[in-house]
Amino acid sequence: MKATLFAPDNYVWATPEIRAMVTNGCGPGGWKVDLIPDTMYGLDVSEACNIHDWMYTTGATLADKDEADRVFLNNCLRLIDAADSFWFIKKLRRARAKAYFEAVHIFGGPAFWAGKNDKKNLVQAGVAGIRG
C-alpha cells in the first residue's frame, strides 16, 4: 500500500530541482548525513525527511518549527502504517520514528534558525574558560 503524506502547498508545487536545492533526506547533511539513515528497519522515510527539511527552510516562527516536527512524525507514522510488515517491525519502526521526532524537536533549533537571524541583531559572546 502506498502512503499519502502531508506537505505544505509550496512543497507540493515546487519542482524537483527546487526541492533538491533545499532537501537532503534524513540528517543534517554533509558528512553527518550518513550517521542518520533514510530508512527505519528497511522502510524508506526520506520523503518525510525532505518535507521536514522544506518546512524548516520556509518556517519563520517557533510555531512553524513545532508544526514541521509534528508533520515529520505524522508522515513517518503514515509510512509505517502503510508498509506491509510484521507487527514487531512496525513496533520497532514506530519507536525509531518517535526517537527521530524527539531528536529534531529537542535538538533541531540550530538547523531551523540557521540563516534566519538578521545580522544587526547578532552580538558576539565571549567563550567561558576555566581559570586556574
Foldseek 3Di string as FASTA:
>chain_A
DDFDADADPVVVPDDPVVLVVQFDFDDDDDPGRVVDDCDQVNQGLRVLRSRLSVQLVPDDDPVSNVVSLVSSLVSQLRSLVPDPDDPVSSVSSNVVSVVSSVCCNVPVVCVSCPPVDDPVPDDDDDDDDDDD
